[in-house]
Amino acid sequence: MNTELRQVLDALVERGSVSADVVSVKRLLIDDSARLKGIARSLIEVLALSEDEIADAICSRFRFARMQIVHEMESAPANILTDDEIRHYNALPVFRIGLELTIAFIDPPSSTLNNFLQKLSGCRIKPVITTVSDFEAALKNYKGGLDKLQKIVTSINFDKLDIKKLGEKGATKAMEAELDGMMSDLVNELLLRAAKSGASDIHVEPLEHELLIRFRIDGVLQRILSLPIAYHPAMIAVFKSRSGIDIFQRGIPQDGRITMTFADREFDVRVSTLPLLKGEKMVLRLLSKTSMMINLENLGFSESNLRQFRSLLALPNGIVLVTGPTGSGKTTSLYAGLNEIKSIGTNITTVENPVEYKLDLINQVQVMAERGLTFATSLRAILRQDPDVVLVGEIRDVETGTIATEAALTGHLVLSTLHTNDAIGAIPRMINLGIEAFWVSASVIGIVAQRLVRRICARCKEEYEPTPERLEAFGLSNLPKGTTLFRGKGCEYCSGIGFKGRVAIHEVLVITEEMRDVIFGEVTTGKLRKLALANNFRDMLFDGVQKSLAGITTVDEVRRVIPFS
């Protein structure tokens, strides 16, 4: 009999829920049943105890809190446990705050299970106890298991189609008859595999003698398949037909859109074509509408950065900028911020190009420059709509920037993005756009800069002790001797790469009065950085190294997106 079961039985006897004699007589039956069904289910069945009696006994003995979770599932964190793991461990993620993850159990978790879940999630585990019926009801509402999409079986063997693996000469003849009538099925298969792998983009690229298919997975392009170049026109035609693009127009760039659903996941696929010397290249961007409903706690903010970002969102007026290159998660951060501050008592309006996701309780405007509906004209109209919060998809010119700063100074909270390398660089960037330094200094209240790095696969993560030379190459020679770092060995779950998923690294710059004086005067990044550091500013490199030491990502990943000095 395991330790947890013995302690629960002792607690039940002490509480008078069952006698010691009954436990003694049925001990072997309880033990056998618990191995198959778990502690709580076995005790309900063998001892005819109520769910509440068992949950209360577990809480009193192990000093866990008791929680009803059935109504918490809508905002529960996703992609932590597979469906099989949820069932096997009777464990359901409830919510995550910073690096603390609350998981509901119906049985007391062992230290081994607790350590496994901590390694898997990269978070400190906070166990709570619930009843079997509440757990089952919550499980029906939970949409965050890893396996729903993965359970869809692929129907085409790419190894039999890949000319790089078969040899180009033999492959082309052997595949002609087979591929001739299956292009539509092959397109379906590519979309399914991209969705299953978590790819953000599909690249369909004509080369000299092959049609190259690549997926961008966790920010890195990976070769998936090479087909004979003769099949390029047919594949492009199928994608164009599905996305509403003119099949016969090949000489100009075109854009379209596909909507598709796999399992319980809905995807919006934005399609773009570009005429090249060897034919049209097509890139398809997959946007999962389901995964967009995300909370700030799930974006990888450190406790300090999250607190500062929330303090900026709580202010009644001013401009909050999120900066970074294309694909760094700026829109996700802004949408998560809007999800947090939206309410029936707040009028929030966005102007975007394009509107990527529909949000409840938020008015969204789609820019259409060809009809005269630009960021600037939309923003002017929005300010006549009695807004409290305005999101401008991007400040890209002096007109939009000036109107945004004026809006911030007349009592509105304005959120927007800017393409700069770091938070401090956003200030001179706005001034270089032509926005008056006075408007910038008076309106900007805070800047968040971010990058996305790949997350170490939790199922094959291992510790290692780097050599002094390697630490010095990373600029980390000041770390104490014996410091361990982490890496992924590669496993079936991560396709042998050692990474699965991505996490953001951030820096949050809160503008102080001293900084405003510098901005209004002769602004330089050096002066601003000196003031920021004096106010305990921590840059993205610091955040990235902290996440490396915590085993969330690797130092190599951080160095890939941020050059070490």
Protein backbone atom coordinates (compact mmCIF):
# COMPACT_ATOMS: atom_id res chain seq x y z
CA MET A 1 0.00 0.00 0.00
CA ASN A 2 1.47 3.34 -1.01
CA THR A 3 2.12 6.14 1.45
CA GLU A 4 -0.63 8.45 0.16
CA LEU A 5 -3.35 5.79 0.43
CA ARG A 6 -2.24 4.83 3.95
CA GLN A 7 -2.37 8.46 5.09
CA VAL A 8 -5.83 9.01 3.60
CA LEU A 9 -7.15 5.90 5.37
CA ASP A 10 -5.62 7.07 8.65
CA ALA A 11 -7.28 10.45 8.23
CA LEU A 12 -10.68 8.84 7.54
CA VAL A 13 -10.38 6.68 10.64
CA GLU A 14 -9.35 9.67 12.79
CA ARG A 15 -12.30 11.69 11.48
CA GLY A 16 -14.72 8.83 12.26
CA SER A 17 -15.74 8.33 8.64
CA VAL A 18 -14.86 4.64 8.81
CA SER A 19 -13.73 2.26 11.54
CA ALA A 20 -10.24 0.81 11.77
CA ASP A 21 -11.71 -2.72 11.74
CA VAL A 22 -13.45 -2.17 8.41
CA VAL A 23 -10.25 -0.77 6.93
CA SER A 24 -8.30 -3.77 8.22
CA VAL A 25 -10.74 -6.26 6.70
CA LYS A 26 -10.88 -4.53 3.31
CA ARG A 27 -7.27 -3.38 3.13
CA LEU A 28 -6.21 -5.74 0.34
CA LEU A 29 -9.32 -4.98 -1.72
CA ILE A 30 -8.75 -1.24 -1.29
CA ASP A 31 -5.10 -1.58 -2.27
CA ASP A 32 -5.85 -3.57 -5.45
CA SER A 33 -8.65 -1.24 -6.48
CA ALA A 34 -6.55 1.89 -5.85
CA ARG A 35 -3.86 0.66 -8.24
CA LEU A 36 -6.42 0.48 -11.04
CA LYS A 37 -8.81 3.35 -10.28
CA GLY A 38 -6.97 5.71 -7.96
CA ILE A 39 -7.53 6.42 -4.28
CA ALA A 40 -10.73 8.50 -4.29
CA ARG A 41 -12.67 6.33 -6.72
CA SER A 42 -11.64 3.16 -4.87
CA LEU A 43 -12.67 4.45 -1.47
CA ILE A 44 -16.05 5.55 -2.81
CA GLU A 45 -16.61 2.10 -4.28
CA VAL A 46 -15.14 -0.18 -1.60
CA LEU A 47 -16.02 1.78 1.57
CA ALA A 48 -19.20 3.48 0.28
CA LEU A 49 -17.93 6.86 1.47
CA SER A 50 -19.12 10.18 0.07
CA GLU A 51 -16.97 12.26 -2.23
CA ASP A 52 -16.97 15.13 0.26
CA GLU A 53 -15.72 12.92 3.11
CA ILE A 54 -12.77 11.74 1.01
CA ALA A 55 -11.89 15.21 -0.31
CA ASP A 56 -12.04 16.71 3.19
CA ALA A 57 -9.87 13.92 4.61
CA ILE A 58 -7.21 14.46 1.91
CA CYS A 59 -7.21 18.22 2.51
CA SER A 60 -6.87 17.88 6.29
CA ARG A 61 -4.09 15.29 6.14
CA PHE A 62 -1.99 16.90 3.38
CA ARG A 63 -2.96 20.52 4.11
CA PHE A 64 -4.20 21.16 0.61
CA ALA A 65 -6.95 23.65 -0.23
CA ARG A 66 -10.23 22.32 -1.56
CA MET A 67 -11.61 23.90 -4.73
CA GLN A 68 -14.58 23.53 -7.05
CA ILE A 69 -13.20 23.77 -10.57
CA VAL A 70 -16.11 23.12 -12.94
CA HIS A 71 -16.66 26.85 -13.53
CA GLU A 72 -12.94 27.67 -13.95
CA MET A 73 -12.30 25.78 -17.18
CA GLU A 74 -12.97 28.56 -19.69
CA SER A 75 -9.74 30.33 -18.73
CA ALA A 76 -7.76 27.21 -17.74
CA PRO A 77 -4.25 27.02 -19.25
CA ALA A 78 -3.91 24.76 -22.30
CA ASN A 79 -1.21 22.56 -23.82
CA ILE A 80 0.32 21.33 -20.57
CA LEU A 81 -0.95 17.75 -20.24
CA THR A 82 -2.20 15.32 -22.85
CA ASP A 83 -5.69 13.86 -22.48
CA ASP A 84 -4.13 10.53 -21.45
CA GLU A 85 -1.99 12.21 -18.78
CA ILE A 86 -5.00 14.08 -17.37
CA ARG A 87 -6.85 10.77 -17.00
CA HIS A 88 -3.88 8.77 -15.77
CA TYR A 89 -2.84 11.25 -13.07
CA ASN A 90 -6.36 12.58 -12.33
CA ALA A 91 -4.83 16.05 -12.68
CA LEU A 92 -6.37 19.09 -14.35
CA PRO A 93 -4.63 22.49 -14.79
CA VAL A 94 -6.87 25.27 -13.40
CA PHE A 95 -4.94 28.54 -13.67
CA ARG A 96 -1.42 29.89 -13.89
CA ILE A 97 -0.12 33.07 -12.26
CA GLY A 98 3.45 33.89 -13.22
CA LEU A 99 5.46 30.74 -12.61
CA GLU A 100 2.90 29.18 -10.24
CA LEU A 101 0.52 26.62 -11.74
CA THR A 102 -2.56 25.49 -9.83
CA ILE A 103 -3.54 21.89 -10.64
CA ALA A 104 -6.64 20.17 -9.28
CA PHE A 105 -6.37 16.53 -8.13
CA ILE A 106 -8.87 14.02 -6.80
CA ASP A 107 -6.06 12.01 -5.17
CA PRO A 108 -3.15 13.44 -3.17
CA PRO A 109 -0.20 13.84 -5.59
CA SER A 110 3.01 12.02 -4.72
CA SER A 111 6.28 13.92 -4.63
CA THR A 112 7.31 12.03 -7.79
CA LEU A 113 4.20 13.21 -9.63
CA ASN A 114 4.64 16.73 -8.31
CA ASN A 115 8.24 16.83 -9.59
CA PHE A 116 7.18 15.44 -12.96
CA LEU A 117 4.48 18.09 -13.39
CA GLN A 118 6.89 20.81 -12.31
CA LYS A 119 9.42 19.68 -14.92
CA LEU A 120 6.71 19.39 -17.57
CA SER A 121 5.21 22.84 -17.02
CA GLY A 122 8.28 24.79 -15.93
CA CYS A 123 6.18 26.11 -13.04
CA ARG A 124 5.92 25.68 -9.30
CA ILE A 125 2.93 23.36 -8.71
CA LYS A 126 0.19 24.39 -6.29
CA PRO A 127 -2.08 21.36 -5.70
CA VAL A 128 -5.76 21.73 -4.82
CA ILE A 129 -8.25 18.93 -4.18
CA THR A 130 -11.66 18.48 -5.73
CA THR A 131 -14.31 15.74 -5.82
CA VAL A 132 -14.60 13.06 -8.48
CA SER A 133 -17.89 14.43 -9.84
CA ASP A 134 -16.55 17.99 -10.00
CA PHE A 135 -13.42 16.74 -11.76
CA GLU A 136 -15.46 14.82 -14.35
CA ALA A 137 -17.75 17.80 -14.99
CA ALA A 138 -14.76 20.13 -15.35
CA LEU A 139 -13.04 17.70 -17.72
CA LYS A 140 -16.01 17.90 -20.11
CA ASN A 141 -15.56 21.70 -20.25
CA TYR A 142 -11.77 21.64 -20.54
CA LYS A 143 -10.48 22.40 -24.03
CA GLY A 144 -6.77 22.51 -23.32
CA GLY A 145 -5.60 18.90 -23.68
CA LEU A 146 -2.76 18.24 -26.08
CA ASP A 147 -4.21 15.21 -27.81
CA LYS A 148 -7.43 16.26 -29.53
CA LEU A 149 -5.72 17.48 -32.67
CA GLN A 150 -2.93 14.91 -32.43
CA LYS A 151 -5.43 12.04 -32.53
CA ILE A 152 -6.38 12.88 -36.12
CA VAL A 153 -4.60 10.23 -38.18
CA THR A 154 -2.52 11.36 -41.16
CA SER A 155 -3.48 9.58 -44.40
CA ILE A 156 -0.52 10.19 -46.74
CA ASN A 157 2.99 8.82 -46.28
CA PHE A 158 5.33 11.67 -47.17
CA ASP A 159 8.31 9.31 -47.37
CA LYS A 160 6.79 7.80 -50.53
CA LEU A 161 6.47 11.25 -52.11
CA ASP A 162 9.70 12.97 -51.08
CA ILE A 163 12.10 13.04 -54.03
CA LYS A 164 15.00 13.79 -51.66
CA LYS A 165 14.45 10.41 -50.04
CA LEU A 166 13.44 8.38 -53.08
CA GLY A 167 15.92 9.77 -55.56
CA GLU A 168 14.67 12.34 -58.06
CA LYS A 169 14.77 10.26 -61.29
CA GLY A 170 12.97 7.18 -60.02
CA ALA A 171 10.58 9.19 -57.90
CA THR A 172 9.15 11.38 -60.63
CA LYS A 173 7.95 8.50 -62.81
CA ALA A 174 6.69 6.42 -59.93
CA MET A 175 4.75 9.32 -58.50
CA GLU A 176 3.12 10.65 -61.68
CA ALA A 177 0.12 8.33 -61.64
CA GLU A 178 -0.16 8.41 -57.86
CA LEU A 179 -0.07 12.21 -57.49
CA ASP A 180 -2.12 12.98 -60.57
CA GLY A 181 -5.48 12.65 -58.84
CA MET A 182 -4.52 13.36 -55.24
CA MET A 183 -3.43 17.02 -55.19
CA SER A 184 -6.49 18.06 -53.21
CA ASP A 185 -5.80 15.31 -50.65
CA LEU A 186 -2.15 16.34 -50.45
CA VAL A 187 -3.16 19.96 -49.74
CA ASN A 188 -5.47 18.71 -46.96
CA GLU A 189 -2.62 16.67 -45.53
CA LEU A 190 -0.21 19.63 -45.54
CA LEU A 191 -2.74 21.81 -43.70
CA LEU A 192 -3.43 19.06 -41.15
CA ARG A 193 0.25 18.37 -40.50
CA ALA A 194 0.98 22.08 -40.15
CA ALA A 195 -1.81 22.39 -37.58
CA LYS A 196 -0.65 19.29 -35.68
CA SER A 197 2.96 20.47 -35.56
CA GLY A 198 2.00 23.94 -34.34
CA ALA A 199 3.47 25.54 -37.47
CA SER A 200 2.85 29.25 -37.90
CA ASP A 201 3.56 29.28 -41.67
CA ILE A 202 3.64 26.95 -44.68
CA HIS A 203 6.10 27.89 -47.44
CA VAL A 204 5.41 26.48 -50.94
CA GLU A 205 8.49 27.41 -52.94
CA PRO A 206 9.48 26.52 -56.52
CA LEU A 207 13.18 25.76 -56.98
CA GLU A 208 15.12 24.71 -60.10
CA HIS A 209 14.17 21.01 -60.00
CA GLU A 210 11.84 20.64 -57.03
CA LEU A 211 8.84 22.07 -55.22
CA LEU A 212 10.04 22.68 -51.66
CA ILE A 213 7.54 22.59 -48.77
CA ARG A 214 8.72 24.06 -45.47
CA PHE A 215 6.95 24.70 -42.15
CA ARG A 216 7.95 27.42 -39.71
CA ILE A 217 7.75 25.68 -36.34
CA ASP A 218 8.53 27.64 -33.18
CA GLY A 219 10.06 30.40 -35.29
CA VAL A 220 12.44 28.19 -37.33
CA LEU A 221 11.85 26.96 -40.91
CA GLN A 222 12.06 23.17 -41.36
CA ARG A 223 11.98 21.18 -44.61
CA ILE A 224 8.94 18.92 -44.74
CA LEU A 225 8.74 17.61 -48.29
CA SER A 226 10.27 17.97 -51.74
CA LEU A 227 8.03 17.21 -54.75
CA PRO A 228 8.80 17.20 -58.48
CA ILE A 229 8.65 20.75 -59.82
CA ALA A 230 6.00 19.60 -62.34
CA TYR A 231 3.43 19.53 -59.54
CA HIS A 232 3.93 23.18 -58.61
CA PRO A 233 1.09 24.60 -60.83
CA ALA A 234 -1.48 22.09 -59.56
CA MET A 235 -0.73 22.68 -55.89
CA ILE A 236 -0.78 26.47 -56.26
CA ALA A 237 -4.08 26.21 -58.14
CA VAL A 238 -5.72 24.18 -55.36
CA PHE A 239 -4.58 26.60 -52.66
CA LYS A 240 -5.69 29.59 -54.76
CA SER A 241 -9.10 28.08 -55.42
CA ARG A 242 -9.71 27.47 -51.72
CA SER A 243 -8.58 30.95 -50.69
CA GLY A 244 -10.56 32.90 -53.29
CA ILE A 245 -7.52 34.01 -55.32
CA ASP A 246 -7.63 34.36 -59.11
CA ILE A 247 -6.12 31.12 -60.45
CA PHE A 248 -5.20 32.61 -63.82
CA GLN A 249 -3.42 35.71 -62.51
CA ARG A 250 0.21 34.79 -61.91
CA GLY A 251 2.12 38.02 -62.53
CA ILE A 252 1.19 40.06 -59.43
CA PRO A 253 1.15 39.39 -55.66
CA GLN A 254 -2.27 38.29 -54.37
CA ASP A 255 -3.83 37.68 -50.96
CA GLY A 256 -6.61 35.38 -49.80
CA ARG A 257 -7.97 33.54 -46.79
CA ILE A 258 -9.01 30.00 -45.87
CA THR A 259 -11.01 28.95 -42.79
CA MET A 260 -10.59 25.38 -41.57
CA THR A 261 -11.40 23.29 -38.50
CA PHE A 262 -9.50 20.30 -37.11
CA ALA A 263 -10.83 18.53 -34.00
CA ASP A 264 -11.93 21.38 -31.70
CA ARG A 265 -9.51 23.90 -33.21
CA GLU A 266 -10.55 26.56 -35.72
CA PHE A 267 -7.87 28.10 -37.93
CA ASP A 268 -7.85 31.22 -40.06
CA VAL A 269 -5.26 30.79 -42.84
CA ARG A 270 -3.96 33.94 -44.54
CA VAL A 271 -2.59 33.18 -48.00
CA SER A 272 -0.03 35.31 -49.87
CA THR A 273 1.47 34.75 -53.32
CA LEU A 274 4.62 36.31 -54.76
CA PRO A 275 5.75 35.92 -58.41
CA LEU A 276 9.36 34.69 -58.62
CA LEU A 277 11.59 33.94 -61.63
CA LYS A 278 10.83 30.22 -61.28
CA GLY A 279 7.11 30.64 -60.62
CA GLU A 280 4.82 31.73 -57.82
CA LYS A 281 5.83 31.26 -54.20
CA MET A 282 3.02 30.91 -51.69
CA VAL A 283 3.12 31.43 -47.94
CA LEU A 284 0.19 30.42 -45.75
CA ARG A 285 0.02 31.78 -42.20
CA LEU A 286 -1.99 29.69 -39.74
CA LEU A 287 -3.78 31.62 -37.01
CA SER A 288 -5.48 29.47 -34.38
CA LYS A 289 -8.58 31.29 -33.18
CA THR A 290 -8.90 28.90 -30.24
CA SER A 291 -5.39 29.50 -28.88
CA MET A 292 -5.75 33.29 -29.04
CA MET A 293 -7.98 33.48 -25.97
CA ILE A 294 -5.04 33.85 -23.66
CA ASN A 295 -4.33 35.53 -20.33
CA LEU A 296 -1.36 37.69 -19.40
CA GLU A 297 -0.24 35.03 -16.91
CA ASN A 298 0.35 32.59 -19.77
CA LEU A 299 2.66 34.83 -21.82
CA GLY A 300 5.87 34.20 -19.91
CA PHE A 301 6.09 37.52 -18.07
CA SER A 302 8.30 37.42 -15.00
CA GLU A 303 6.55 38.44 -11.79
CA SER A 304 8.17 41.89 -11.86
CA ASN A 305 7.47 42.55 -15.55
CA LEU A 306 3.87 41.36 -15.23
CA ARG A 307 3.29 43.66 -12.29
CA GLN A 308 4.69 46.64 -14.20
CA PHE A 309 2.70 45.89 -17.37
CA ARG A 310 -0.52 45.56 -15.38
CA SER A 311 0.18 48.84 -13.63
CA LEU A 312 0.44 50.53 -17.05
CA LEU A 313 -2.84 48.97 -18.23
CA ALA A 314 -4.56 50.24 -15.09
CA LEU A 315 -3.74 53.89 -15.84
CA PRO A 316 -6.58 56.06 -17.26
CA ASN A 317 -4.58 57.74 -20.02
CA GLY A 318 -1.26 57.67 -21.86
CA ILE A 319 0.38 55.56 -24.57
CA VAL A 320 1.61 52.02 -23.89
CA LEU A 321 3.79 50.64 -26.69
CA VAL A 322 4.68 47.00 -27.38
CA THR A 323 7.76 46.74 -29.59
CA GLY A 324 9.65 44.02 -31.39
CA PRO A 325 10.17 42.59 -34.88
CA THR A 326 7.46 40.95 -36.97
CA GLY A 327 6.36 37.65 -35.43
CA SER A 328 7.51 38.46 -31.89
CA GLY A 329 4.06 38.17 -30.33
CA LYS A 330 3.21 41.88 -30.03
CA THR A 331 -0.43 41.42 -31.08
CA THR A 332 -0.86 38.51 -28.67
CA SER A 333 0.40 40.62 -25.76
CA LEU A 334 -1.91 43.51 -26.67
CA TYR A 335 -4.95 41.23 -27.06
CA ALA A 336 -4.19 39.57 -23.73
CA GLY A 337 -4.02 43.03 -22.15
CA LEU A 338 -7.38 43.97 -23.69
CA ASN A 339 -8.91 40.70 -22.47
CA GLU A 340 -7.85 41.64 -18.96
CA ILE A 341 -9.18 45.21 -18.89
CA LYS A 342 -12.35 44.78 -20.97
CA SER A 343 -15.65 45.10 -19.12
CA ILE A 344 -19.25 46.16 -19.68
CA GLY A 345 -18.34 49.57 -18.27
CA THR A 346 -15.41 50.24 -20.61
CA ASN A 347 -15.61 51.33 -24.26
CA ILE A 348 -12.67 49.74 -26.08
CA THR A 349 -12.12 50.24 -29.83
CA THR A 350 -9.32 48.91 -32.02
CA VAL A 351 -8.11 49.86 -35.49
CA GLU A 352 -6.08 47.07 -37.10
CA ASN A 353 -4.68 45.89 -40.40
CA PRO A 354 -5.81 43.17 -40.53
CA VAL A 355 -8.20 42.29 -37.71
CA GLU A 356 -6.75 38.89 -36.83
CA TYR A 357 -9.10 37.75 -34.05
CA LYS A 358 -12.58 38.76 -32.97
CA LEU A 359 -12.85 39.81 -29.32
CA ASP A 360 -16.05 40.09 -27.29
CA LEU A 361 -16.97 43.51 -25.82
CA ILE A 362 -14.45 45.20 -28.13
CA ASN A 363 -15.23 47.27 -31.23
CA GLN A 364 -12.81 46.40 -34.03
CA VAL A 365 -12.16 48.46 -37.18
CA GLN A 366 -10.48 46.95 -40.26
CA VAL A 367 -8.19 49.38 -42.13
CA MET A 368 -8.99 49.62 -45.86
CA ALA A 369 -6.59 52.17 -47.32
CA GLU A 370 -7.99 51.76 -50.84
CA ARG A 371 -11.28 53.19 -49.56
CA GLY A 372 -9.64 55.96 -47.58
CA LEU A 373 -10.03 54.15 -44.25
CA THR A 374 -6.46 54.50 -42.95
CA PHE A 375 -5.13 54.28 -39.39
CA ALA A 376 -5.27 58.07 -39.11
CA THR A 377 -8.82 58.55 -40.46
CA SER A 378 -10.11 55.62 -38.39
CA LEU A 379 -8.46 57.00 -35.26
CA ARG A 380 -10.06 60.41 -35.77
CA ALA A 381 -13.48 58.79 -36.10
CA ILE A 382 -12.90 56.55 -33.06
CA LEU A 383 -12.14 59.57 -30.87
CA ARG A 384 -15.65 60.84 -31.61
CA GLN A 385 -17.09 57.54 -30.34
CA ASP A 386 -16.50 58.22 -26.62
CA PRO A 387 -13.73 55.60 -26.17
CA ASP A 388 -11.97 54.77 -22.92
CA VAL A 389 -9.27 52.57 -24.46
CA VAL A 390 -8.00 52.66 -28.06
CA LEU A 391 -5.75 50.07 -29.69
CA VAL A 392 -3.90 51.23 -32.80
CA GLY A 393 -2.46 48.23 -34.64
CA GLU A 394 0.77 50.08 -35.47
CA ILE A 395 2.16 53.61 -35.35
CA ARG A 396 3.80 53.82 -38.75
CA ASP A 397 3.65 57.52 -39.72
CA VAL A 398 3.67 61.00 -38.23
CA GLU A 399 -0.07 61.55 -38.73
CA THR A 400 -1.13 58.41 -36.87
CA GLY A 401 1.46 59.03 -34.14
CA THR A 402 0.39 62.62 -33.58
CA ILE A 403 -3.30 61.73 -33.33
CA ALA A 404 -2.45 58.88 -30.92
CA THR A 405 -0.44 61.18 -28.67
CA GLU A 406 -3.21 63.79 -28.71
CA ALA A 407 -5.72 61.08 -27.76
CA ALA A 408 -3.51 60.01 -24.86
CA LEU A 409 -3.29 63.60 -23.60
CA THR A 410 -7.06 64.07 -23.73
CA GLY A 411 -7.89 61.26 -21.33
CA HIS A 412 -7.62 58.03 -23.32
CA LEU A 413 -5.46 54.95 -22.78
CA VAL A 414 -3.84 54.17 -26.13
CA LEU A 415 -2.16 50.83 -26.87
CA SER A 416 -0.06 50.33 -29.99
CA THR A 417 2.94 48.56 -31.52
CA LEU A 418 6.20 49.83 -32.99
CA HIS A 419 9.03 48.06 -34.81
CA THR A 420 12.15 48.68 -32.71
CA ASN A 421 14.87 46.45 -31.31
CA ASP A 422 14.28 47.35 -27.67
CA ALA A 423 12.09 49.41 -25.37
CA ILE A 424 14.40 52.42 -25.10
CA GLY A 425 14.76 52.64 -28.89
CA ALA A 426 11.01 53.30 -29.22
CA ILE A 427 11.40 56.89 -28.02
CA PRO A 428 13.87 58.13 -30.69
CA ARG A 429 11.95 56.05 -33.25
CA MET A 430 8.75 58.02 -32.58
CA ILE A 431 10.63 61.31 -32.79
CA ASN A 432 12.31 60.19 -36.04
CA LEU A 433 8.85 59.54 -37.49
CA GLY A 434 8.28 63.27 -37.13
CA ILE A 435 6.22 63.34 -33.92
CA GLU A 436 7.12 66.37 -31.81
CA ALA A 437 9.33 65.53 -28.82
CA PHE A 438 6.89 67.39 -26.55
CA TRP A 439 4.01 65.09 -27.56
CA VAL A 440 6.17 62.00 -27.05
CA SER A 441 7.48 63.05 -23.63
CA ALA A 442 4.02 64.02 -22.39
CA SER A 443 2.08 61.01 -23.68
CA VAL A 444 4.19 57.82 -23.55
CA ILE A 445 3.85 56.13 -20.14
CA GLY A 446 5.48 52.78 -20.76
CA ILE A 447 7.05 50.47 -23.33
CA VAL A 448 7.21 46.68 -23.47
CA ALA A 449 9.77 45.04 -25.77
CA GLN A 450 9.73 41.31 -26.43
CA ARG A 451 11.12 38.39 -28.42
CA LEU A 452 10.00 34.78 -28.76
CA VAL A 453 12.40 31.96 -27.91
CA ARG A 454 11.82 28.23 -28.21
CA ARG A 455 10.82 26.42 -25.02
CA ILE A 456 12.80 23.32 -24.01
CA CYS A 457 10.70 20.18 -24.50
CA ALA A 458 9.52 19.31 -21.01
CA ARG A 459 9.42 15.58 -21.73
CA CYS A 460 13.10 15.25 -22.66
CA LYS A 461 14.67 18.12 -20.70
CA GLU A 462 17.99 17.35 -19.04
CA GLU A 463 20.49 19.24 -16.91
CA TYR A 464 24.13 19.65 -17.84
CA GLU A 465 27.08 21.52 -16.42
CA PRO A 466 28.61 23.83 -19.05
CA THR A 467 32.35 24.24 -19.32
CA PRO A 468 33.94 27.53 -18.17
CA GLU A 469 34.76 28.27 -21.82
CA ARG A 470 31.12 27.88 -22.83
CA LEU A 471 29.94 30.13 -19.99
CA GLU A 472 32.49 32.73 -21.05
CA ALA A 473 31.23 32.53 -24.65
CA PHE A 474 27.74 33.23 -23.32
CA GLY A 475 29.00 36.16 -21.26
CA LEU A 476 28.10 34.27 -18.07
CA SER A 477 31.54 33.67 -16.61
CA ASN A 478 30.45 35.38 -13.39
CA LEU A 479 28.08 32.52 -12.53
CA PRO A 480 29.22 30.38 -9.58
CA LYS A 481 31.06 27.12 -10.23
CA GLY A 482 28.71 24.16 -10.53
CA THR A 483 25.88 26.15 -12.14
CA THR A 484 23.78 23.86 -14.32
CA LEU A 485 21.95 24.74 -17.52
CA PHE A 486 19.28 22.81 -19.41
CA ARG A 487 18.70 21.41 -22.88
CA GLY A 488 16.37 19.02 -24.67
CA LYS A 489 17.73 15.62 -25.71
CA GLY A 490 15.10 15.18 -28.40
CA CYS A 491 12.18 12.76 -28.19
CA GLU A 492 9.11 11.57 -30.10
CA TYR A 493 6.96 14.34 -28.60
CA CYS A 494 9.20 17.13 -29.97
CA SER A 495 10.15 15.25 -33.19
CA GLY A 496 13.75 14.94 -31.96
CA ILE A 497 14.34 18.71 -31.93
CA GLY A 498 14.57 19.22 -28.16
CA PHE A 499 12.15 22.19 -28.24
CA LYS A 500 8.37 22.34 -28.07
CA GLY A 501 6.47 25.62 -28.11
CA ARG A 502 7.72 29.13 -27.51
CA VAL A 503 7.84 31.60 -24.66
CA ALA A 504 8.38 35.36 -24.69
CA ILE A 505 11.20 37.22 -23.02
CA HIS A 506 10.43 40.81 -22.09
CA GLU A 507 11.66 44.13 -20.86
CA VAL A 508 9.29 46.75 -19.43
CA LEU A 509 10.28 50.40 -19.35
CA VAL A 510 8.11 52.67 -17.20
CA ILE A 511 8.64 56.34 -18.14
CA THR A 512 9.60 58.53 -15.18
CA GLU A 513 9.55 62.33 -14.86
CA GLU A 514 13.35 62.43 -15.25
CA MET A 515 13.04 60.52 -18.52
CA ARG A 516 10.38 62.97 -19.75
CA ASP A 517 12.83 65.83 -19.27
CA VAL A 518 15.47 63.98 -21.32
CA ILE A 519 12.93 63.14 -24.08
CA PHE A 520 11.78 66.75 -24.30
CA GLY A 521 15.38 67.96 -24.43
CA GLU A 522 18.18 66.34 -26.39
CA VAL A 523 17.17 62.69 -26.26
CA THR A 524 19.78 59.94 -26.62
CA THR A 525 19.41 56.24 -25.95
CA GLY A 526 22.47 56.41 -23.69
CA LYS A 527 20.88 58.98 -21.37
CA LEU A 528 17.60 57.08 -21.27
CA ARG A 529 19.32 53.77 -20.54
CA LYS A 530 21.31 55.32 -17.70
CA LEU A 531 18.11 56.65 -16.11
CA ALA A 532 16.29 53.36 -16.69
CA LEU A 533 19.03 51.31 -15.02
CA ALA A 534 18.93 53.70 -12.07
CA ASN A 535 15.24 52.77 -11.74
CA ASN A 536 15.93 48.99 -11.66
CA PHE A 537 15.22 48.43 -15.36
CA ARG A 538 16.01 44.85 -16.47
CA ASP A 539 16.47 44.22 -20.17
CA MET A 540 15.40 41.24 -22.30
CA LEU A 541 18.83 39.64 -22.02
CA PHE A 542 18.45 39.54 -18.24
CA ASP A 543 14.98 38.01 -18.57
CA GLY A 544 16.26 35.47 -21.10
CA VAL A 545 19.17 34.38 -18.92
CA GLN A 546 16.81 34.00 -15.95
CA LYS A 547 14.54 31.75 -18.04
CA SER A 548 17.61 29.77 -19.16
CA LEU A 549 18.73 29.18 -15.57
CA ALA A 550 15.17 28.13 -14.71
CA GLY A 551 15.18 25.51 -17.48
CA ILE A 552 12.50 27.17 -19.60
CA THR A 553 14.74 27.85 -22.61
CA THR A 554 18.42 27.58 -23.50
CA VAL A 555 21.13 30.22 -23.52
CA ASP A 556 21.73 29.43 -27.20
CA GLU A 557 18.10 30.35 -27.94
CA VAL A 558 18.42 33.64 -26.08
CA ARG A 559 21.62 34.42 -27.94
CA ARG A 560 19.88 33.59 -31.24
CA VAL A 561 17.37 36.42 -30.81
CA ILE A 562 19.43 38.86 -28.69
CA PRO A 563 23.16 39.39 -29.38
CA PHE A 564 25.27 39.04 -26.22
CA SER A 565 27.56 41.98 -25.60
